[in-house]
Amino acid sequence: MKSEERTPNPKHMEITVEHEGETLLANVTPGSTIRDVISSLDIHPSTVLAVFNGVIIPHDSQLNEDVLIELITVSSGG
């Protein structure tokens, strides 16, 4: 039996998100923003920083391919 190969779907992207020790998957359309991805995972955008290739990126950054994003929880105190 031949294993099935994944064929890319140009109408959807699979974004891998690492957050608090978990690996999550978000399926979004090309051109979606980091904010769209975060919101689709029921994470409030103001509580995290998005990191791509070791660099913090703005939440309004658009995605056009399958990528790995790390979310770092922001803590505040007084």
C-alpha atoms as a PDB file:
ATOM      1  CA  MET A   1       0.000   0.000   0.000  1.00  0.00           C
ATOM      2  CA  LYS A   2       1.332   3.406  -0.952  1.00  0.00           C
ATOM      3  CA  SER A   3       1.311   6.145   1.660  1.00  0.00           C
ATOM      4  CA  GLU A   4      -0.740   9.151   0.725  1.00  0.00           C
ATOM      5  CA  GLU A   5       1.237  12.280  -0.028  1.00  0.00           C
ATOM      6  CA  ARG A   6      -0.073  15.599   1.141  1.00  0.00           C
ATOM      7  CA  THR A   7      -0.927  17.876  -1.731  1.00  0.00           C
ATOM      8  CA  PRO A   8      -0.780  21.595  -1.050  1.00  0.00           C
ATOM      9  CA  ASN A   9      -4.112  23.390  -1.008  1.00  0.00           C
ATOM     10  CA  PRO A  10      -3.649  26.897  -2.436  1.00  0.00           C
ATOM     11  CA  LYS A  11      -6.818  28.040  -0.657  1.00  0.00           C
ATOM     12  CA  HIS A  12      -5.566  27.072   2.815  1.00  0.00           C
ATOM     13  CA  MET A  13      -2.328  27.169   4.738  1.00  0.00           C
ATOM     14  CA  GLU A  14      -1.371  25.122   7.761  1.00  0.00           C
ATOM     15  CA  ILE A  15       0.344  27.267  10.367  1.00  0.00           C
ATOM     16  CA  THR A  16       2.127  25.432  13.160  1.00  0.00           C
ATOM     17  CA  VAL A  17       2.055  27.332  16.444  1.00  0.00           C
ATOM     18  CA  GLU A  18       4.138  26.514  19.497  1.00  0.00           C
ATOM     19  CA  HIS A  19       2.551  27.943  22.641  1.00  0.00           C
ATOM     20  CA  GLU A  20       3.096  27.075  26.306  1.00  0.00           C
ATOM     21  CA  GLY A  21       4.665  23.697  25.506  1.00  0.00           C
ATOM     22  CA  GLU A  22       1.968  22.667  23.030  1.00  0.00           C
ATOM     23  CA  THR A  23       2.065  22.413  19.257  1.00  0.00           C
ATOM     24  CA  LEU A  24      -1.136  23.717  17.694  1.00  0.00           C
ATOM     25  CA  LEU A  25      -2.260  23.802  14.059  1.00  0.00           C
ATOM     26  CA  ALA A  26      -4.236  26.601  12.470  1.00  0.00           C
ATOM     27  CA  ASN A  27      -5.727  26.334   8.990  1.00  0.00           C
ATOM     28  CA  VAL A  28      -6.105  29.778   7.450  1.00  0.00           C
ATOM     29  CA  THR A  29      -6.351  31.307   3.997  1.00  0.00           C
ATOM     30  CA  PRO A  30      -3.312  32.868   2.311  1.00  0.00           C
ATOM     31  CA  GLY A  31      -2.973  36.520   3.283  1.00  0.00           C
ATOM     32  CA  SER A  32      -4.247  35.912   6.812  1.00  0.00           C
ATOM     33  CA  THR A  33      -2.430  37.800   9.534  1.00  0.00           C
ATOM     34  CA  ILE A  34      -0.711  36.565  12.662  1.00  0.00           C
ATOM     35  CA  ARG A  35      -3.653  38.100  14.564  1.00  0.00           C
ATOM     36  CA  ASP A  36      -6.071  35.939  12.528  1.00  0.00           C
ATOM     37  CA  VAL A  37      -4.076  32.821  13.415  1.00  0.00           C
ATOM     38  CA  ILE A  38      -3.900  33.714  17.114  1.00  0.00           C
ATOM     39  CA  SER A  39      -7.620  34.475  17.263  1.00  0.00           C
ATOM     40  CA  SER A  40      -8.508  31.231  15.458  1.00  0.00           C
ATOM     41  CA  LEU A  41      -6.795  29.374  18.313  1.00  0.00           C
ATOM     42  CA  ASP A  42      -8.878  31.235  20.939  1.00  0.00           C
ATOM     43  CA  ILE A  43      -5.803  33.040  22.267  1.00  0.00           C
ATOM     44  CA  HIS A  44      -6.191  36.746  23.021  1.00  0.00           C
ATOM     45  CA  PRO A  45      -3.650  38.583  20.819  1.00  0.00           C
ATOM     46  CA  SER A  46      -2.712  41.097  23.523  1.00  0.00           C
ATOM     47  CA  THR A  47      -1.402  38.275  25.733  1.00  0.00           C
ATOM     48  CA  VAL A  48       1.322  37.001  23.373  1.00  0.00           C
ATOM     49  CA  LEU A  49       4.264  38.012  21.215  1.00  0.00           C
ATOM     50  CA  ALA A  50       4.677  36.233  17.879  1.00  0.00           C
ATOM     51  CA  VAL A  51       8.150  34.989  16.938  1.00  0.00           C
ATOM     52  CA  PHE A  52       9.253  33.778  13.505  1.00  0.00           C
ATOM     53  CA  ASN A  53      12.828  32.554  12.959  1.00  0.00           C
ATOM     54  CA  GLY A  54      13.875  34.079  16.281  1.00  0.00           C
ATOM     55  CA  VAL A  55      12.491  37.541  15.470  1.00  0.00           C
ATOM     56  CA  ILE A  56       9.417  39.150  17.058  1.00  0.00           C
ATOM     57  CA  ILE A  57       6.967  40.032  14.304  1.00  0.00           C
ATOM     58  CA  PRO A  58       3.921  42.341  14.344  1.00  0.00           C
ATOM     59  CA  HIS A  59       0.489  40.768  14.655  1.00  0.00           C
ATOM     60  CA  ASP A  60      -0.575  42.449  11.406  1.00  0.00           C
ATOM     61  CA  SER A  61       2.099  40.537   9.420  1.00  0.00           C
ATOM     62  CA  GLN A  62       0.526  38.592   6.553  1.00  0.00           C
ATOM     63  CA  LEU A  63       1.226  34.917   5.968  1.00  0.00           C
ATOM     64  CA  ASN A  64       1.435  33.438   2.489  1.00  0.00           C
ATOM     65  CA  GLU A  65       2.875  29.981   3.148  1.00  0.00           C
ATOM     66  CA  ASP A  66       2.926  27.225   5.759  1.00  0.00           C
ATOM     67  CA  VAL A  67       5.193  28.376   8.606  1.00  0.00           C
ATOM     68  CA  LEU A  68       6.080  27.720  12.231  1.00  0.00           C
ATOM     69  CA  ILE A  69       5.279  30.532  14.665  1.00  0.00           C
ATOM     70  CA  GLU A  70       6.179  30.597  18.344  1.00  0.00           C
ATOM     71  CA  LEU A  71       3.942  32.498  20.756  1.00  0.00           C
ATOM     72  CA  ILE A  72       5.498  33.873  23.922  1.00  0.00           C
ATOM     73  CA  THR A  73       3.104  34.753  26.728  1.00  0.00           C
ATOM     74  CA  VAL A  74       3.499  38.313  27.955  1.00  0.00           C
ATOM     75  CA  SER A  75       3.259  38.823  31.686  1.00  0.00           C
ATOM     76  CA  SER A  76       2.695  42.108  33.391  1.00  0.00           C
ATOM     77  CA  GLY A  77       2.762  43.074  36.972  1.00  0.00           C
ATOM     78  CA  GLY A  78       2.835  45.997  39.236  1.00  0.00           C
END
